[in-house]
Amino acid sequence: MVSTFCPNIKSAPGGTQNQLLARELWTESACDSLPKVQVPVLVLIGEKNIQIDGHADGEPPQEAAGGIAHVTFDFPPNVNHVLKEELRDRTIDAASLSAAHNAADTRLNPRSLGDILDWLSKTLGACNQAASSAAPAGGR
């Protein structure tokens, strides 16, 4: 398999190791794996992600995880694939959109950050409740 993202990946830092990890990830099926995961999962796919189509690529794993209470999906608007705010139209060329990822005026999308913090609060709160109810009476 030839990397379409970085043809010189072997010369990049961690080159061969990164290429092996990428190859492994490319063969992984979220639809097959997600129902087997036993820990809470938050899947965020920004609607302005230019690397994938949030609905075409996000709906199959969402359907595969259908009904699993500890798996949460969120498709925030105006969010790119690194969860930064993207107010421009998705039809702008990919190079222009990618170049802006690390621009000085970019920031994490406030809604996404709020969604992550809310999910963590709910998830950690549920874990703390479960731990408290499982603790023997009288402490340790």
Protein backbone atom coordinates (compact mmCIF):
# COMPACT_ATOMS: atom_id res chain seq x y z
CA MET A 1 0.00 0.00 0.00
CA VAL A 2 1.32 3.42 -0.92
CA SER A 3 0.49 6.31 1.38
CA THR A 4 -1.63 8.86 -0.42
CA PHE A 5 -1.27 11.33 2.44
CA CYS A 6 2.49 11.54 2.65
CA PRO A 7 4.50 9.83 -0.11
CA ASN A 8 7.72 10.38 1.87
CA ILE A 9 6.33 9.03 5.11
CA LYS A 10 9.44 6.88 5.74
CA SER A 11 11.56 10.03 5.91
CA ALA A 12 9.15 11.74 8.32
CA PRO A 13 9.80 11.59 12.09
CA GLY A 14 8.86 8.10 13.24
CA GLY A 15 8.50 7.22 9.53
CA THR A 16 8.30 3.45 9.35
CA GLN A 17 6.43 3.17 12.66
CA ASN A 18 3.90 5.79 11.56
CA GLN A 19 3.40 4.00 8.26
CA LEU A 20 2.73 0.70 10.03
CA LEU A 21 0.22 2.38 12.35
CA ALA A 22 -1.49 4.06 9.40
CA ARG A 23 -1.73 0.77 7.53
CA GLU A 24 -3.26 -0.88 10.58
CA LEU A 25 -5.79 1.94 10.98
CA TRP A 26 -6.75 1.82 7.30
CA THR A 27 -7.73 -1.83 7.63
CA GLU A 28 -9.67 -1.35 10.90
CA SER A 29 -13.44 -1.27 10.62
CA ALA A 30 -15.13 1.00 13.15
CA CYS A 31 -18.40 -0.74 12.32
CA ASP A 32 -16.96 -4.08 13.43
CA SER A 33 -15.00 -2.78 16.42
CA LEU A 34 -17.28 -0.19 17.98
CA PRO A 35 -19.94 -2.62 19.25
CA LYS A 36 -17.17 -4.56 21.05
CA VAL A 37 -15.82 -1.55 22.97
CA GLN A 38 -16.74 -1.74 26.65
CA VAL A 39 -15.76 1.79 27.72
CA PRO A 40 -17.56 5.09 27.09
CA VAL A 41 -16.90 6.51 23.61
CA LEU A 42 -17.50 9.98 22.20
CA VAL A 43 -17.27 10.24 18.41
CA LEU A 44 -17.06 13.82 17.12
CA ILE A 45 -17.19 14.37 13.38
CA GLY A 46 -17.22 17.99 12.31
CA GLU A 47 -19.65 18.79 9.54
CA LYS A 48 -16.94 20.79 7.77
CA ASN A 49 -14.39 18.00 7.93
CA ILE A 50 -12.83 17.91 4.47
CA GLN A 51 -11.09 14.55 4.95
CA ILE A 52 -14.29 12.55 5.26
CA ASP A 53 -17.98 13.07 4.68
CA GLY A 54 -19.47 13.21 8.15
CA HIS A 55 -22.73 11.60 7.14
CA ALA A 56 -21.53 9.06 4.58
CA ASP A 57 -18.65 7.97 6.84
CA GLY A 58 -20.31 8.65 10.20
CA GLU A 59 -23.67 6.99 9.72
CA PRO A 60 -22.45 3.38 9.27
CA PRO A 61 -20.59 3.25 12.63
CA GLN A 62 -23.47 5.12 14.25
CA GLU A 63 -25.84 2.43 12.97
CA ALA A 64 -23.43 -0.32 14.07
CA ALA A 65 -23.37 1.15 17.58
CA GLY A 66 -27.13 1.74 17.55
CA GLY A 67 -28.59 1.50 21.00
CA ILE A 68 -25.29 1.09 22.87
CA ALA A 69 -25.74 3.50 25.77
CA HIS A 70 -22.04 4.23 26.30
CA VAL A 71 -21.40 5.30 22.67
CA THR A 72 -22.24 8.91 21.80
CA PHE A 73 -22.05 10.53 18.36
CA ASP A 74 -21.94 14.26 17.71
CA PHE A 75 -21.76 16.06 14.35
CA PRO A 76 -21.11 19.69 15.30
CA PRO A 77 -21.62 22.32 12.58
CA ASN A 78 -18.81 24.68 11.55
CA VAL A 79 -16.15 22.27 12.79
CA ASN A 80 -13.25 20.80 10.82
CA HIS A 81 -11.41 17.52 11.43
CA VAL A 82 -9.20 19.00 14.18
CA LEU A 83 -12.28 20.41 15.98
CA LYS A 84 -11.45 23.98 15.07
CA GLU A 85 -14.09 26.45 14.04
CA GLU A 86 -14.55 26.67 10.28
CA LEU A 87 -16.99 29.34 9.17
CA ARG A 88 -16.11 29.23 5.48
CA ASP A 89 -18.14 27.23 3.01
CA ARG A 90 -17.05 23.60 2.64
CA THR A 91 -16.82 24.04 -1.13
CA ILE A 92 -13.63 26.13 -0.78
CA ASP A 93 -10.60 24.23 -2.05
CA ALA A 94 -9.06 21.76 0.39
CA ALA A 95 -5.59 23.34 0.28
CA SER A 96 -7.00 26.67 1.43
CA LEU A 97 -8.96 25.03 4.24
CA SER A 98 -5.98 22.92 5.36
CA ALA A 99 -3.62 25.89 5.37
CA ALA A 100 -5.83 27.62 7.92
CA HIS A 101 -5.70 24.81 10.54
CA ASN A 102 -2.83 26.39 12.44
CA ALA A 103 -3.37 30.03 11.56
CA ALA A 104 -3.06 32.46 14.45
CA ASP A 105 -6.75 33.36 14.31
CA THR A 106 -8.08 29.78 14.49
CA ARG A 107 -9.55 28.37 17.67
CA LEU A 108 -11.29 25.30 18.95
CA ASN A 109 -14.96 25.42 18.16
CA PRO A 110 -16.71 26.53 21.38
CA ARG A 111 -19.66 24.19 20.90
CA SER A 112 -17.36 21.19 20.39
CA LEU A 113 -15.38 22.07 23.48
CA GLY A 114 -18.62 22.38 25.45
CA ASP A 115 -19.86 19.06 24.09
CA ILE A 116 -16.61 17.35 25.13
CA LEU A 117 -16.71 18.86 28.62
CA ASP A 118 -20.40 17.95 29.05
CA TRP A 119 -19.73 14.38 27.91
CA LEU A 120 -16.76 14.06 30.28
CA SER A 121 -18.82 15.42 33.17
CA LYS A 122 -21.68 12.99 32.51
CA THR A 123 -19.35 10.07 31.90
CA LEU A 124 -17.13 10.69 34.92
CA GLY A 125 -20.18 11.40 37.07
CA ALA A 126 -21.70 8.06 36.06
CA CYS A 127 -18.39 6.31 36.77
CA ASN A 128 -18.16 7.93 40.21
CA GLN A 129 -21.75 6.91 41.01
CA ALA A 130 -21.07 3.33 39.93
CA ALA A 131 -17.87 3.22 42.02
CA SER A 132 -19.67 4.65 45.06
CA SER A 133 -22.52 2.16 44.86
CA ALA A 134 -20.08 -0.72 44.41
CA ALA A 135 -18.01 0.24 47.48
CA PRO A 136 -18.67 -1.91 50.55
CA ALA A 137 -20.58 -0.27 53.40
CA GLY A 138 -18.35 1.34 55.99
CA GLY A 139 -15.67 2.48 53.50
CA ARG A 140 -12.74 0.45 52.18
